[in-house]
Amino acid sequence: MWYNPYKLLFMKKNTRENHVNEKIVRIVAAQVVLFTILLLLTNWKILALFLVVDFTLRVFTKTPSLLVLNAKGISKSFKLIPKPIFAPPKRFATTLGLLISILMALFMYFDLTTGAYAVGGILILFAAMEAFLNICIGCYIYNWIIAPFNKN
């Protein structure tokens, strides 16, 4: 059930199993924006835990998270045509999202609201750029740091 997500960072580009549907990724990012805004407006700590669990499922397991399942349903309802894209940069971006959501949850649980708002704002910004502008900050970081070492 558990696997090493970092072996996925160094995959060959032309294999089928290392692609994800860009439409699903963008819908999930939009949901992250909504949940994070709701979290920061309501201070419901359970939402912070939900985001951490969801990111953890996406990073460390092959089990689809609730946000991914919901995104697949939305995609199917609107009959969106799948657009496969190279997965390792997106997986790296998801790992960054996990780290940011853990930090935000810690700030929330220790009632450090200024820190939670600052980190939550970063998560909202990055997820909104992915969802609405198709700009993946984590992918740029991946291409800058990880890709030079990937000579496949």
Protein backbone atom coordinates (compact mmCIF):
# COMPACT_ATOMS: atom_id res chain seq x y z
CA MET A 1 0.00 0.00 0.00
CA TRP A 2 2.78 2.46 0.90
CA TYR A 3 5.47 3.26 -1.63
CA ASN A 4 8.40 5.58 -2.04
CA PRO A 5 7.18 8.72 -3.84
CA TYR A 6 10.69 9.88 -4.60
CA LYS A 7 11.44 7.02 -6.96
CA LEU A 8 8.67 8.55 -9.08
CA LEU A 9 10.64 11.78 -9.35
CA PHE A 10 13.22 10.10 -11.56
CA MET A 11 11.01 8.22 -14.04
CA LYS A 12 11.46 8.05 -17.78
CA LYS A 13 9.16 10.42 -19.61
CA ASN A 14 7.68 8.07 -22.19
CA THR A 15 6.01 5.49 -19.99
CA ARG A 16 2.27 5.43 -19.46
CA GLU A 17 2.27 4.98 -15.68
CA ASN A 18 4.04 8.25 -15.00
CA HIS A 19 1.40 10.53 -16.43
CA VAL A 20 -1.53 12.20 -14.69
CA ASN A 21 -4.64 13.91 -16.02
CA GLU A 22 -4.04 17.66 -15.95
CA LYS A 23 -7.78 18.36 -15.65
CA ILE A 24 -7.98 16.29 -12.45
CA VAL A 25 -4.90 18.03 -11.03
CA ARG A 26 -6.43 21.45 -11.65
CA ILE A 27 -9.80 20.49 -10.14
CA VAL A 28 -8.03 19.14 -7.04
CA ALA A 29 -6.06 22.39 -6.78
CA ALA A 30 -9.32 24.39 -6.92
CA GLN A 31 -10.71 22.25 -4.11
CA VAL A 32 -7.56 22.86 -2.05
CA VAL A 33 -8.11 26.61 -2.54
CA LEU A 34 -11.72 26.33 -1.34
CA PHE A 35 -10.90 24.16 1.68
CA THR A 36 -7.98 26.37 2.71
CA ILE A 37 -10.07 29.54 2.44
CA LEU A 38 -12.82 27.86 4.46
CA LEU A 39 -10.25 26.76 7.05
CA LEU A 40 -8.80 30.24 7.44
CA LEU A 41 -12.24 31.86 7.65
CA THR A 42 -13.70 29.42 10.18
CA ASN A 43 -10.61 28.17 12.09
CA TRP A 44 -12.09 24.65 11.98
CA LYS A 45 -9.02 22.64 12.88
CA ILE A 46 -10.57 19.48 11.45
CA LEU A 47 -10.19 21.02 7.98
CA ALA A 48 -6.45 21.38 8.57
CA LEU A 49 -6.31 17.70 9.49
CA PHE A 50 -8.39 16.85 6.41
CA LEU A 51 -5.93 18.66 4.12
CA VAL A 52 -2.94 16.94 5.73
CA VAL A 53 -4.57 13.51 5.39
CA ASP A 54 -5.59 14.20 1.79
CA PHE A 55 -2.10 15.34 0.79
CA THR A 56 -0.58 12.38 2.66
CA LEU A 57 -2.76 9.93 0.74
CA ARG A 58 -1.77 11.53 -2.55
CA VAL A 59 1.94 11.56 -1.74
CA PHE A 60 2.50 8.23 0.00
CA THR A 61 -0.18 5.85 -1.27
CA LYS A 62 -1.78 4.86 -4.53
CA THR A 63 -5.18 5.12 -2.84
CA PRO A 64 -7.07 8.05 -4.35
CA SER A 65 -7.83 10.76 -1.82
CA LEU A 66 -11.28 12.23 -1.30
CA LEU A 67 -10.37 15.32 -3.31
CA VAL A 68 -9.11 13.17 -6.21
CA LEU A 69 -12.26 11.05 -6.18
CA ASN A 70 -14.38 14.20 -6.15
CA ALA A 71 -12.32 15.70 -9.00
CA LYS A 72 -12.80 12.54 -11.07
CA GLY A 73 -16.55 12.79 -10.50
CA ILE A 74 -16.58 16.45 -11.53
CA SER A 75 -14.48 15.67 -14.61
CA LYS A 76 -16.82 12.86 -15.59
CA SER A 77 -19.93 15.00 -14.99
CA PHE A 78 -18.64 17.77 -17.23
CA LYS A 79 -17.24 15.24 -19.75
CA LEU A 80 -13.81 16.84 -19.66
CA ILE A 81 -11.35 15.34 -22.12
CA PRO A 82 -8.32 13.90 -20.26
CA LYS A 83 -5.01 15.62 -20.90
CA PRO A 84 -2.06 13.44 -19.79
CA ILE A 85 0.98 15.29 -18.46
CA PHE A 86 4.30 14.17 -17.00
CA ALA A 87 3.63 13.19 -13.36
CA PRO A 88 6.91 13.60 -11.40
CA PRO A 89 6.81 17.44 -11.28
CA LYS A 90 3.18 17.27 -10.11
CA ARG A 91 4.08 14.67 -7.48
CA PHE A 92 6.87 16.94 -6.26
CA ALA A 93 4.41 19.84 -6.10
CA THR A 94 2.01 17.64 -4.11
CA THR A 95 4.84 16.87 -1.68
CA LEU A 96 5.41 20.61 -1.23
CA GLY A 97 1.67 20.98 -0.63
CA LEU A 98 1.89 18.31 2.06
CA LEU A 99 4.73 20.14 3.81
CA ILE A 100 2.88 23.46 3.63
CA SER A 101 -0.38 21.92 4.90
CA ILE A 102 1.45 20.23 7.81
CA LEU A 103 3.00 23.56 8.77
CA MET A 104 -0.37 25.30 8.50
CA ALA A 105 -2.04 22.60 10.62
CA LEU A 106 0.64 22.92 13.30
CA PHE A 107 0.14 26.68 13.40
CA MET A 108 -3.63 26.17 13.65
CA TYR A 109 -3.42 23.60 16.44
CA PHE A 110 -1.06 25.75 18.50
CA ASP A 111 -3.27 28.82 17.93
CA LEU A 112 -0.58 30.70 16.04
CA THR A 113 -3.10 32.29 13.71
CA THR A 114 -0.74 34.78 12.06
CA GLY A 115 1.55 31.95 10.98
CA ALA A 116 -1.42 29.85 9.88
CA TYR A 117 -2.75 32.71 7.76
CA ALA A 118 0.66 33.36 6.20
CA VAL A 119 1.28 29.70 5.35
CA GLY A 120 -2.35 29.24 4.29
CA GLY A 121 -2.01 32.25 2.02
CA ILE A 122 0.98 30.62 0.35
CA LEU A 123 -0.98 27.39 -0.13
CA ILE A 124 -3.94 29.33 -1.55
CA LEU A 125 -1.65 31.27 -3.90
CA PHE A 126 0.15 28.19 -5.22
CA ALA A 127 -3.03 26.12 -5.58
CA ALA A 128 -4.92 29.00 -7.22
CA MET A 129 -2.12 29.53 -9.72
CA GLU A 130 -2.34 25.83 -10.63
CA ALA A 131 -6.14 25.72 -10.72
CA PHE A 132 -6.95 28.94 -12.52
CA LEU A 133 -3.79 29.91 -14.44
CA ASN A 134 -2.23 26.47 -15.06
CA ILE A 135 1.02 27.68 -13.46
CA CYS A 136 2.61 25.03 -11.25
CA ILE A 137 5.15 26.59 -8.89
CA GLY A 138 6.17 23.15 -7.57
CA CYS A 139 6.82 22.05 -11.16
CA TYR A 140 9.14 25.03 -11.70
CA ILE A 141 11.00 24.14 -8.50
CA TYR A 142 11.18 20.50 -9.67
CA ASN A 143 12.62 21.53 -13.04
CA TRP A 144 15.14 23.80 -11.33
CA ILE A 145 16.30 21.42 -8.56
CA ILE A 146 15.43 17.78 -9.43
CA ALA A 147 15.36 17.61 -13.24
CA PRO A 148 19.07 18.47 -13.74
CA PHE A 149 19.93 15.24 -11.89
CA ASN A 150 17.44 13.17 -13.92
CA LYS A 151 19.30 12.08 -17.05
CA ASN A 152 16.81 9.36 -18.18
